Amino acid sequence: MIELTLTELVLSVLGISMGLVVLITWVSRSNARHQEHVALRSRVICRLCLHVFEDHGTSRQIECPACGSKNERGRDRRLG
């Protein structure tokens, strides 16, 4: 059987507690980053009227609900 002094017991409990806090914080932040990435993937900004809306479909071209113009999903890489 392992015999621990009071100091060793307190230090081990503090170490394990701090480790759990770090682990829970890391998991929470990772989950928040993932949720933000998922939310940004469905967000579309109209090129013409700058209306921001969400579209969860899979089509490449999306019609703006405010002005009716066609927008492409993803980043617009055209110049001008």
C-alpha atoms as a PDB file:
ATOM      1  CA  MET A   1       0.000   0.000   0.000  1.00  0.00           C
ATOM      2  CA  ILE A   2       1.216   3.497  -0.853  1.00  0.00           C
ATOM      3  CA  GLU A   3       1.622   5.867   2.026  1.00  0.00           C
ATOM      4  CA  LEU A   4       1.197   9.559   1.224  1.00  0.00           C
ATOM      5  CA  THR A   5       2.006  12.492   3.389  1.00  0.00           C
ATOM      6  CA  LEU A   6      -0.515  15.294   3.717  1.00  0.00           C
ATOM      7  CA  THR A   7       1.594  17.518   1.464  1.00  0.00           C
ATOM      8  CA  GLU A   8       1.797  14.877  -1.262  1.00  0.00           C
ATOM      9  CA  LEU A   9      -1.959  14.266  -1.060  1.00  0.00           C
ATOM     10  CA  VAL A  10      -2.789  17.967  -1.346  1.00  0.00           C
ATOM     11  CA  LEU A  11      -0.348  18.471  -4.244  1.00  0.00           C
ATOM     12  CA  SER A  12      -1.707  15.453  -6.118  1.00  0.00           C
ATOM     13  CA  VAL A  13      -5.325  16.587  -5.661  1.00  0.00           C
ATOM     14  CA  LEU A  14      -4.404  20.102  -6.853  1.00  0.00           C
ATOM     15  CA  GLY A  15      -2.474  18.723  -9.828  1.00  0.00           C
ATOM     16  CA  ILE A  16      -5.308  16.457 -10.910  1.00  0.00           C
ATOM     17  CA  SER A  17      -7.840  19.291 -10.476  1.00  0.00           C
ATOM     18  CA  MET A  18      -5.748  21.701 -12.554  1.00  0.00           C
ATOM     19  CA  GLY A  19      -5.293  19.044 -15.227  1.00  0.00           C
ATOM     20  CA  LEU A  20      -9.050  18.497 -15.424  1.00  0.00           C
ATOM     21  CA  VAL A  21      -9.685  22.254 -15.689  1.00  0.00           C
ATOM     22  CA  VAL A  22      -7.191  22.523 -18.561  1.00  0.00           C
ATOM     23  CA  LEU A  23      -8.730  19.509 -20.327  1.00  0.00           C
ATOM     24  CA  ILE A  24     -12.305  20.777 -19.953  1.00  0.00           C
ATOM     25  CA  THR A  25     -11.275  24.256 -21.153  1.00  0.00           C
ATOM     26  CA  TRP A  26      -9.526  22.811 -24.208  1.00  0.00           C
ATOM     27  CA  VAL A  27     -12.548  20.641 -25.107  1.00  0.00           C
ATOM     28  CA  SER A  28     -14.934  23.573 -24.647  1.00  0.00           C
ATOM     29  CA  ARG A  29     -12.901  25.919 -26.856  1.00  0.00           C
ATOM     30  CA  SER A  30     -12.476  23.254 -29.504  1.00  0.00           C
ATOM     31  CA  ASN A  31     -16.234  22.692 -29.557  1.00  0.00           C
ATOM     32  CA  ALA A  32     -16.908  26.444 -29.792  1.00  0.00           C
ATOM     33  CA  ARG A  33     -14.495  26.788 -32.748  1.00  0.00           C
ATOM     34  CA  HIS A  34     -16.206  23.903 -34.518  1.00  0.00           C
ATOM     35  CA  GLN A  35     -19.676  25.382 -33.970  1.00  0.00           C
ATOM     36  CA  GLU A  36     -18.499  28.772 -35.266  1.00  0.00           C
ATOM     37  CA  HIS A  37     -17.021  27.126 -38.366  1.00  0.00           C
ATOM     38  CA  VAL A  38     -20.300  25.312 -39.056  1.00  0.00           C
ATOM     39  CA  ALA A  39     -22.290  28.555 -38.619  1.00  0.00           C
ATOM     40  CA  LEU A  40     -19.984  30.512 -40.957  1.00  0.00           C
ATOM     41  CA  ARG A  41     -20.229  27.820 -43.623  1.00  0.00           C
ATOM     42  CA  SER A  42     -23.976  28.404 -44.037  1.00  0.00           C
ATOM     43  CA  ARG A  43     -23.800  32.228 -43.930  1.00  0.00           C
ATOM     44  CA  VAL A  44     -24.075  34.056 -47.259  1.00  0.00           C
ATOM     45  CA  ILE A  45     -23.554  37.770 -47.970  1.00  0.00           C
ATOM     46  CA  CYS A  46     -25.286  39.105 -51.061  1.00  0.00           C
ATOM     47  CA  ARG A  47     -22.857  40.731 -53.514  1.00  0.00           C
ATOM     48  CA  LEU A  48     -25.411  43.311 -54.614  1.00  0.00           C
ATOM     49  CA  CYS A  49     -27.266  44.509 -51.494  1.00  0.00           C
ATOM     50  CA  LEU A  50     -24.944  43.105 -48.768  1.00  0.00           C
ATOM     51  CA  HIS A  51     -27.877  41.342 -47.104  1.00  0.00           C
ATOM     52  CA  VAL A  52     -26.630  38.598 -44.765  1.00  0.00           C
ATOM     53  CA  PHE A  53     -28.654  35.388 -44.668  1.00  0.00           C
ATOM     54  CA  GLU A  54     -28.226  31.707 -43.959  1.00  0.00           C
ATOM     55  CA  ASP A  55     -28.696  28.951 -46.494  1.00  0.00           C
ATOM     56  CA  HIS A  56     -28.328  25.323 -45.459  1.00  0.00           C
ATOM     57  CA  GLY A  57     -28.838  23.906 -48.944  1.00  0.00           C
ATOM     58  CA  THR A  58     -26.183  22.393 -51.174  1.00  0.00           C
ATOM     59  CA  SER A  59     -26.781  24.268 -54.436  1.00  0.00           C
ATOM     60  CA  ARG A  60     -23.889  26.344 -55.771  1.00  0.00           C
ATOM     61  CA  GLN A  61     -26.006  29.384 -56.674  1.00  0.00           C
ATOM     62  CA  ILE A  62     -28.246  30.957 -54.056  1.00  0.00           C
ATOM     63  CA  GLU A  63     -30.913  33.586 -54.587  1.00  0.00           C
ATOM     64  CA  CYS A  64     -30.884  36.521 -52.157  1.00  0.00           C
ATOM     65  CA  PRO A  65     -34.217  36.776 -50.309  1.00  0.00           C
ATOM     66  CA  ALA A  66     -33.955  40.591 -50.155  1.00  0.00           C
ATOM     67  CA  CYS A  67     -33.117  41.590 -53.751  1.00  0.00           C
ATOM     68  CA  GLY A  68     -33.380  38.345 -55.749  1.00  0.00           C
ATOM     69  CA  SER A  69     -29.850  38.410 -57.216  1.00  0.00           C
ATOM     70  CA  LYS A  70     -27.903  35.196 -57.693  1.00  0.00           C
ATOM     71  CA  ASN A  71     -24.939  34.607 -55.381  1.00  0.00           C
ATOM     72  CA  GLU A  72     -22.344  31.864 -55.408  1.00  0.00           C
ATOM     73  CA  ARG A  73     -21.625  29.887 -52.281  1.00  0.00           C
ATOM     74  CA  GLY A  74     -18.158  30.313 -50.773  1.00  0.00           C
ATOM     75  CA  ARG A  75     -15.653  33.109 -51.131  1.00  0.00           C
ATOM     76  CA  ASP A  76     -15.881  35.306 -54.208  1.00  0.00           C
ATOM     77  CA  ARG A  77     -12.411  35.347 -55.733  1.00  0.00           C
ATOM     78  CA  ARG A  78     -13.185  37.691 -58.637  1.00  0.00           C
ATOM     79  CA  LEU A  79     -11.449  41.054 -58.865  1.00  0.00           C
ATOM     80  CA  GLY A  80     -13.521  44.222 -59.110  1.00  0.00           C
END
